[in-house]
């Protein structure tokens, strides 16, 4: 097994929470209506395009043209975004900061809109501690596209075979493997500790 020289963390659902239902449970109290809204208006695929670099103004305009009666709820997605990303996962954050403190080379690779990522760094200062980050909204590429892993490796001087990627989404784990990286599917902090130990990394 190649010795691991670089550890790369995903962010959402690994280091910080993400759940759009948090503010919308208040904004659209009826569960069936809320389900319809997320399936037809502010969908996962719509939000993903902001992670790819589309401006929020353009994203909102697109939906308001189709659903003018939903303008308030459409604008609420960006307005109350900060509520969707709380709390941090302190147990996995402790793993990441412990790895940094013990001298490991740690970076981050995330599907995240450019502006909301900068807000997240202010909300959660530990997101400034790794050596650097590739943000999908900055580079206009999304995981699990192999190109974003290759770009991250090039930008940070990583040897893919000696790099291990941690992500909660299996497709993104497979994308990293397709790029020649080692990769772990994150399901919880304790399992992550065990998985890292198997690679000779004490966390």
Protein backbone atom coordinates (compact mmCIF):
# COMPACT_ATOMS: atom_id res chain seq x y z
CA UNK A 1 0.00 0.00 0.00
CA UNK A 2 1.34 3.44 -0.98
CA UNK A 3 2.18 5.62 2.03
CA UNK A 4 -0.39 8.42 2.33
CA UNK A 5 1.19 11.87 2.06
CA UNK A 6 -1.92 14.01 1.55
CA UNK A 7 -5.38 13.95 3.15
CA UNK A 8 -8.21 15.73 1.33
CA UNK A 9 -11.55 16.47 3.03
CA UNK A 10 -14.94 17.16 1.56
CA UNK A 11 -16.88 19.73 3.63
CA UNK A 12 -20.68 19.38 3.48
CA UNK A 13 -21.95 16.50 5.65
CA UNK A 14 -18.35 15.67 6.61
CA UNK A 15 -17.28 18.80 8.51
CA UNK A 16 -20.49 20.87 8.56
CA UNK A 17 -24.17 20.02 8.34
CA UNK A 18 -26.34 20.79 5.33
CA UNK A 19 -30.12 20.63 5.32
CA UNK A 20 -32.33 23.12 3.41
CA UNK A 21 -35.34 21.92 5.39
CA UNK A 22 -34.08 23.80 8.46
CA UNK A 23 -35.28 27.27 7.37
CA UNK A 24 -38.02 25.97 5.07
CA UNK A 25 -39.72 24.06 7.88
CA UNK A 26 -40.53 27.54 9.16
CA UNK A 27 -41.17 29.16 5.76
CA UNK A 28 -43.31 26.33 4.34
CA UNK A 29 -44.74 24.52 7.39
CA UNK A 30 -46.81 22.03 5.40
CA UNK A 31 -44.60 18.97 4.77
CA UNK A 32 -46.29 18.00 1.48
CA UNK A 33 -46.02 21.51 0.08
CA UNK A 34 -42.38 21.72 1.15
CA UNK A 35 -41.65 18.38 -0.52
CA UNK A 36 -43.27 19.66 -3.73
CA UNK A 37 -41.22 22.86 -3.55
CA UNK A 38 -37.91 21.01 -3.30
CA UNK A 39 -38.89 18.55 -6.03
CA UNK A 40 -40.12 21.19 -8.50
CA UNK A 41 -38.74 24.65 -7.66
CA UNK A 42 -35.50 24.88 -5.63
CA UNK A 43 -34.37 21.40 -6.62
CA UNK A 44 -31.06 19.68 -5.87
CA UNK A 45 -30.02 20.01 -9.53
CA UNK A 46 -30.90 23.73 -9.54
CA UNK A 47 -28.75 24.32 -6.46
CA UNK A 48 -25.90 22.27 -7.92
CA UNK A 49 -25.55 24.78 -10.76
CA UNK A 50 -24.61 27.45 -8.18
CA UNK A 51 -21.93 25.01 -7.01
CA UNK A 52 -20.79 24.94 -10.65
CA UNK A 53 -20.47 28.71 -10.67
CA UNK A 54 -23.86 30.10 -11.75
CA UNK A 55 -24.67 33.42 -10.05
CA UNK A 56 -27.49 33.42 -7.52
CA UNK A 57 -29.14 36.34 -9.32
CA UNK A 58 -29.35 34.28 -12.51
CA UNK A 59 -30.52 31.20 -10.64
CA UNK A 60 -33.30 33.12 -8.91
CA UNK A 61 -34.39 34.86 -12.11
CA UNK A 62 -34.67 31.52 -13.90
CA UNK A 63 -37.07 30.16 -11.27
CA UNK A 64 -39.07 33.36 -10.78
CA UNK A 65 -39.85 33.42 -14.48
CA UNK A 66 -41.42 29.97 -14.14
CA UNK A 67 -42.86 30.36 -10.64
CA UNK A 68 -43.55 34.10 -10.11
CA UNK A 69 -45.93 33.35 -7.23
CA UNK A 70 -43.03 31.69 -5.39
CA UNK A 71 -40.64 34.65 -5.48
CA UNK A 72 -40.39 35.00 -1.70
CA UNK A 73 -39.63 31.31 -1.20
CA UNK A 74 -37.13 31.26 -4.08
CA UNK A 75 -35.20 34.24 -2.70
CA UNK A 76 -35.30 32.65 0.75
CA UNK A 77 -32.91 29.89 -0.36
CA UNK A 78 -29.97 32.30 -0.56
CA UNK A 79 -31.27 34.62 2.15
CA UNK A 80 -31.47 31.89 4.79
CA UNK A 81 -28.65 29.71 3.45
CA UNK A 82 -26.62 30.24 6.64
CA UNK A 83 -29.28 28.38 8.63
CA UNK A 84 -28.88 25.30 6.42
CA UNK A 85 -25.23 24.70 7.34
CA UNK A 86 -25.36 24.52 11.11
CA UNK A 87 -24.01 22.88 13.17
CA UNK A 88 -20.45 21.77 12.49
CA UNK A 89 -19.61 18.10 13.01
CA UNK A 90 -17.22 18.66 15.88
CA UNK A 91 -16.02 15.06 16.08
CA UNK A 92 -14.85 14.99 12.46
CA UNK A 93 -13.56 18.57 12.69
CA UNK A 94 -11.41 17.36 15.61
CA UNK A 95 -9.99 14.63 13.37
CA UNK A 96 -9.08 17.15 10.68
CA UNK A 97 -7.52 19.69 13.05
CA UNK A 98 -5.67 16.90 14.87
CA UNK A 99 -4.18 15.71 11.57
CA UNK A 100 -3.04 19.26 10.77
CA UNK A 101 -1.58 19.71 14.25
CA UNK A 102 0.36 16.45 13.95
CA UNK A 103 1.99 17.61 10.71
CA UNK A 104 -0.13 15.95 8.01
CA UNK A 105 -0.70 17.78 4.74
CA UNK A 106 -4.44 18.52 4.64
CA UNK A 107 -6.44 20.23 1.89
CA UNK A 108 -10.16 20.40 1.05
CA UNK A 109 -12.13 19.73 -2.15
CA UNK A 110 -15.77 20.77 -2.15
CA UNK A 111 -18.86 21.31 -4.29
CA UNK A 112 -19.79 24.76 -2.98
CA UNK A 113 -20.90 28.10 -4.43
CA UNK A 114 -18.10 30.66 -4.29
CA UNK A 115 -19.85 33.27 -2.16
CA UNK A 116 -21.48 30.90 0.31
CA UNK A 117 -18.14 29.12 0.85
CA UNK A 118 -16.55 32.42 1.95
CA UNK A 119 -19.47 32.91 4.34
CA UNK A 120 -18.96 29.40 5.66
CA UNK A 121 -15.30 30.18 6.39
CA UNK A 122 -16.40 33.15 8.51
CA UNK A 123 -18.98 31.03 10.33
CA UNK A 124 -16.56 28.12 10.81
CA UNK A 125 -12.94 29.37 11.12
CA UNK A 126 -11.59 25.80 11.05
CA UNK A 127 -12.30 25.91 7.29
CA UNK A 128 -9.30 28.26 6.99
CA UNK A 129 -6.86 25.84 8.67
CA UNK A 130 -5.99 23.37 5.86
CA UNK A 131 -3.26 24.28 3.38
CA UNK A 132 -5.87 25.20 0.80
CA UNK A 133 -9.15 24.35 -0.88
CA UNK A 134 -10.58 23.78 -4.34
CA UNK A 135 -14.11 25.20 -4.49
CA UNK A 136 -16.24 23.97 -7.40
CA UNK A 137 -17.88 27.37 -7.86
CA UNK A 138 -14.45 28.96 -8.37
CA UNK A 139 -13.17 26.43 -10.91
CA UNK A 140 -16.51 25.72 -12.68
CA UNK A 141 -16.12 21.96 -12.21
CA UNK A 142 -18.10 19.58 -10.01
CA UNK A 143 -17.31 16.33 -8.25
CA UNK A 144 -17.41 13.55 -9.34
CA UNK A 145 -15.91 14.85 -12.63
CA UNK A 146 -12.37 13.43 -12.73
CA UNK A 147 -11.17 16.83 -13.97
CA UNK A 148 -11.72 18.51 -10.59
CA UNK A 149 -9.60 15.91 -8.79
CA UNK A 150 -6.87 16.28 -11.40
CA UNK A 151 -6.99 20.07 -11.04
CA UNK A 152 -6.78 19.83 -7.24
CA UNK A 153 -3.79 17.48 -7.44
CA UNK A 154 -2.02 19.80 -9.90
CA UNK A 155 -2.75 22.99 -7.93
CA UNK A 156 -1.53 21.55 -4.64
CA UNK A 157 1.28 19.35 -5.93
CA UNK A 158 -0.32 16.09 -4.81
CA UNK A 159 0.69 12.61 -5.89
CA UNK A 160 -2.76 11.04 -6.52
CA UNK A 161 -1.64 7.55 -5.47
CA UNK A 162 -0.39 8.98 -2.16
CA UNK A 163 -3.53 11.07 -1.58
CA UNK A 164 -6.63 9.97 0.31
CA UNK A 165 -10.00 11.68 -0.19
CA UNK A 166 -12.85 11.66 2.35
CA UNK A 167 -16.43 12.29 1.13
CA UNK A 168 -19.95 11.39 2.28
CA UNK A 169 -21.19 10.78 -1.28
CA UNK A 170 -20.25 7.47 -2.88
CA UNK A 171 -20.21 8.90 -6.41
CA UNK A 172 -17.58 11.43 -5.31
CA UNK A 173 -15.53 8.68 -3.68
CA UNK A 174 -15.64 6.74 -6.95
CA UNK A 175 -14.65 9.89 -8.86
CA UNK A 176 -11.54 10.22 -6.71
CA UNK A 177 -10.65 6.57 -7.30
CA UNK A 178 -11.11 7.09 -11.05
CA UNK A 179 -8.55 9.91 -10.79
CA UNK A 180 -6.06 7.50 -9.18
CA UNK A 181 -6.57 8.57 -5.57
CA UNK A 182 -7.24 6.49 -2.48
CA UNK A 183 -10.68 7.36 -1.09
CA UNK A 184 -12.92 6.75 1.92
CA UNK A 185 -16.70 6.92 2.18
CA UNK A 186 -17.50 9.03 5.26
CA UNK A 187 -20.32 7.68 7.43
CA UNK A 188 -19.19 9.00 10.82
CA UNK A 189 -16.17 10.12 12.80
CA UNK A 190 -15.43 6.84 14.57
CA UNK A 191 -15.51 4.86 11.33
CA UNK A 192 -13.25 7.50 9.75
CA UNK A 193 -10.70 7.03 12.55
CA UNK A 194 -10.73 3.29 11.94
CA UNK A 195 -10.43 3.70 8.18
CA UNK A 196 -7.50 6.11 8.50
CA UNK A 197 -5.79 3.76 10.93
CA UNK A 198 -5.91 1.06 8.26
CA UNK A 199 -3.80 3.39 6.13
CA UNK A 200 -1.33 3.93 8.97
CA UNK A 201 -2.72 7.35 9.92
CA UNK A 202 -3.45 7.98 13.61
CA UNK A 203 -6.39 10.35 13.95
